[in-house]
Amino acid sequence: MDYSKESFDKALANSGQAWKDTGRDVMTSHTVGPLGLNPENLHDALGMSDQEYGHFLDDTFGPSPEERAKAAEQPGAEG
């Protein structure tokens, strides 16, 4: 068992990122909400383009898991 400060800091960062990823999943879900009234469909009703909604998601939750994985694959990227 590792009870070091670094280990706890890493666990805290990982759980924080998991909550952000969960929030992004909910906000891009087609299945949450009654009869098609879900976050993914509502952004159109609010007059937001897909690009604007994507920026909103990035501002709120940070980069998506896919974007983080892509960035980690680039030479010189820190993981």
C-alpha atoms as a PDB file:
ATOM      1  CA  MET A   1       0.000   0.000   0.000  1.00  0.00           C
ATOM      2  CA  ASP A   2       1.169   3.466  -0.882  1.00  0.00           C
ATOM      3  CA  TYR A   3      -0.042   6.141   1.530  1.00  0.00           C
ATOM      4  CA  SER A   4       2.227   8.882   0.239  1.00  0.00           C
ATOM      5  CA  LYS A   5       0.982  12.401  -0.477  1.00  0.00           C
ATOM      6  CA  GLU A   6       1.770  11.873  -4.155  1.00  0.00           C
ATOM      7  CA  SER A   7      -0.413   8.768  -4.230  1.00  0.00           C
ATOM      8  CA  PHE A   8      -3.331  10.596  -2.617  1.00  0.00           C
ATOM      9  CA  ASP A   9      -2.873  13.580  -4.951  1.00  0.00           C
ATOM     10  CA  LYS A  10      -2.950  11.271  -7.967  1.00  0.00           C
ATOM     11  CA  ALA A  11      -6.061   9.491  -6.665  1.00  0.00           C
ATOM     12  CA  LEU A  12      -7.786  12.842  -6.116  1.00  0.00           C
ATOM     13  CA  ALA A  13      -6.912  14.002  -9.631  1.00  0.00           C
ATOM     14  CA  ASN A  14      -8.136  10.706 -11.102  1.00  0.00           C
ATOM     15  CA  SER A  15     -11.450  10.852  -9.258  1.00  0.00           C
ATOM     16  CA  GLY A  16     -11.906  14.509 -10.242  1.00  0.00           C
ATOM     17  CA  GLN A  17     -11.350  13.615 -13.887  1.00  0.00           C
ATOM     18  CA  ALA A  18     -13.795  10.709 -13.571  1.00  0.00           C
ATOM     19  CA  TRP A  19     -16.496  13.124 -12.362  1.00  0.00           C
ATOM     20  CA  LYS A  20     -15.772  15.461 -15.283  1.00  0.00           C
ATOM     21  CA  ASP A  21     -15.995  12.537 -17.724  1.00  0.00           C
ATOM     22  CA  THR A  22     -19.281  11.455 -16.134  1.00  0.00           C
ATOM     23  CA  GLY A  23     -20.684  14.977 -16.488  1.00  0.00           C
ATOM     24  CA  ARG A  24     -19.654  15.044 -20.159  1.00  0.00           C
ATOM     25  CA  ASP A  25     -21.301  11.634 -20.684  1.00  0.00           C
ATOM     26  CA  VAL A  26     -24.568  12.876 -19.177  1.00  0.00           C
ATOM     27  CA  MET A  27     -24.511  16.081 -21.230  1.00  0.00           C
ATOM     28  CA  THR A  28     -23.980  14.149 -24.476  1.00  0.00           C
ATOM     29  CA  SER A  29     -26.474  11.385 -23.716  1.00  0.00           C
ATOM     30  CA  HIS A  30     -29.414  10.649 -25.964  1.00  0.00           C
ATOM     31  CA  THR A  31     -31.007   8.444 -23.303  1.00  0.00           C
ATOM     32  CA  VAL A  32     -31.167  10.724 -20.241  1.00  0.00           C
ATOM     33  CA  GLY A  33     -34.454  12.580 -19.922  1.00  0.00           C
ATOM     34  CA  PRO A  34     -38.054  11.962 -20.946  1.00  0.00           C
ATOM     35  CA  LEU A  35     -39.153  11.486 -24.551  1.00  0.00           C
ATOM     36  CA  GLY A  36     -36.224  13.026 -26.353  1.00  0.00           C
ATOM     37  CA  LEU A  37     -35.767  15.918 -23.944  1.00  0.00           C
ATOM     38  CA  ASN A  38     -32.156  15.217 -23.212  1.00  0.00           C
ATOM     39  CA  PRO A  39     -29.064  17.429 -23.087  1.00  0.00           C
ATOM     40  CA  GLU A  40     -27.771  16.320 -26.477  1.00  0.00           C
ATOM     41  CA  ASN A  41     -31.043  17.253 -28.196  1.00  0.00           C
ATOM     42  CA  LEU A  42     -31.793  20.363 -26.142  1.00  0.00           C
ATOM     43  CA  HIS A  43     -28.727  22.306 -27.260  1.00  0.00           C
ATOM     44  CA  ASP A  44     -30.333  22.618 -30.709  1.00  0.00           C
ATOM     45  CA  ALA A  45     -33.534  23.903 -29.117  1.00  0.00           C
ATOM     46  CA  LEU A  46     -31.501  26.526 -27.255  1.00  0.00           C
ATOM     47  CA  GLY A  47     -30.000  27.749 -30.504  1.00  0.00           C
ATOM     48  CA  MET A  48     -26.489  26.394 -29.880  1.00  0.00           C
ATOM     49  CA  SER A  49     -24.552  24.965 -32.805  1.00  0.00           C
ATOM     50  CA  ASP A  50     -22.695  21.690 -32.365  1.00  0.00           C
ATOM     51  CA  GLN A  51     -19.448  23.669 -32.280  1.00  0.00           C
ATOM     52  CA  GLU A  52     -20.769  26.031 -29.575  1.00  0.00           C
ATOM     53  CA  TYR A  53     -21.996  23.069 -27.546  1.00  0.00           C
ATOM     54  CA  GLY A  54     -18.597  21.401 -27.935  1.00  0.00           C
ATOM     55  CA  HIS A  55     -16.891  24.549 -26.609  1.00  0.00           C
ATOM     56  CA  PHE A  56     -19.359  24.647 -23.699  1.00  0.00           C
ATOM     57  CA  LEU A  57     -18.521  21.023 -22.856  1.00  0.00           C
ATOM     58  CA  ASP A  58     -14.770  21.667 -23.079  1.00  0.00           C
ATOM     59  CA  ASP A  59     -15.046  24.788 -20.907  1.00  0.00           C
ATOM     60  CA  THR A  60     -17.129  22.941 -18.327  1.00  0.00           C
ATOM     61  CA  PHE A  61     -15.530  19.487 -18.259  1.00  0.00           C
ATOM     62  CA  GLY A  62     -12.153  19.894 -19.942  1.00  0.00           C
ATOM     63  CA  PRO A  63     -11.067  17.877 -22.950  1.00  0.00           C
ATOM     64  CA  SER A  64     -12.905  14.645 -23.729  1.00  0.00           C
ATOM     65  CA  PRO A  65     -11.253  11.305 -22.987  1.00  0.00           C
ATOM     66  CA  GLU A  66     -10.712  10.891 -26.732  1.00  0.00           C
ATOM     67  CA  GLU A  67      -9.015  14.289 -27.005  1.00  0.00           C
ATOM     68  CA  ARG A  68      -6.789  13.493 -23.996  1.00  0.00           C
ATOM     69  CA  ALA A  69      -5.796  10.127 -25.500  1.00  0.00           C
ATOM     70  CA  LYS A  70      -5.022  11.767 -28.838  1.00  0.00           C
ATOM     71  CA  ALA A  71      -2.871  14.412 -27.129  1.00  0.00           C
ATOM     72  CA  ALA A  72      -1.015  11.725 -25.146  1.00  0.00           C
ATOM     73  CA  GLU A  73      -0.080   9.962 -28.396  1.00  0.00           C
ATOM     74  CA  GLN A  74       1.642  13.048 -29.797  1.00  0.00           C
ATOM     75  CA  PRO A  75       5.430  13.158 -29.505  1.00  0.00           C
ATOM     76  CA  GLY A  76       6.589  15.166 -26.509  1.00  0.00           C
ATOM     77  CA  ALA A  77       3.188  14.943 -24.794  1.00  0.00           C
ATOM     78  CA  GLU A  78       3.144  14.228 -21.108  1.00  0.00           C
ATOM     79  CA  GLY A  79       0.709  11.505 -19.972  1.00  0.00           C
END
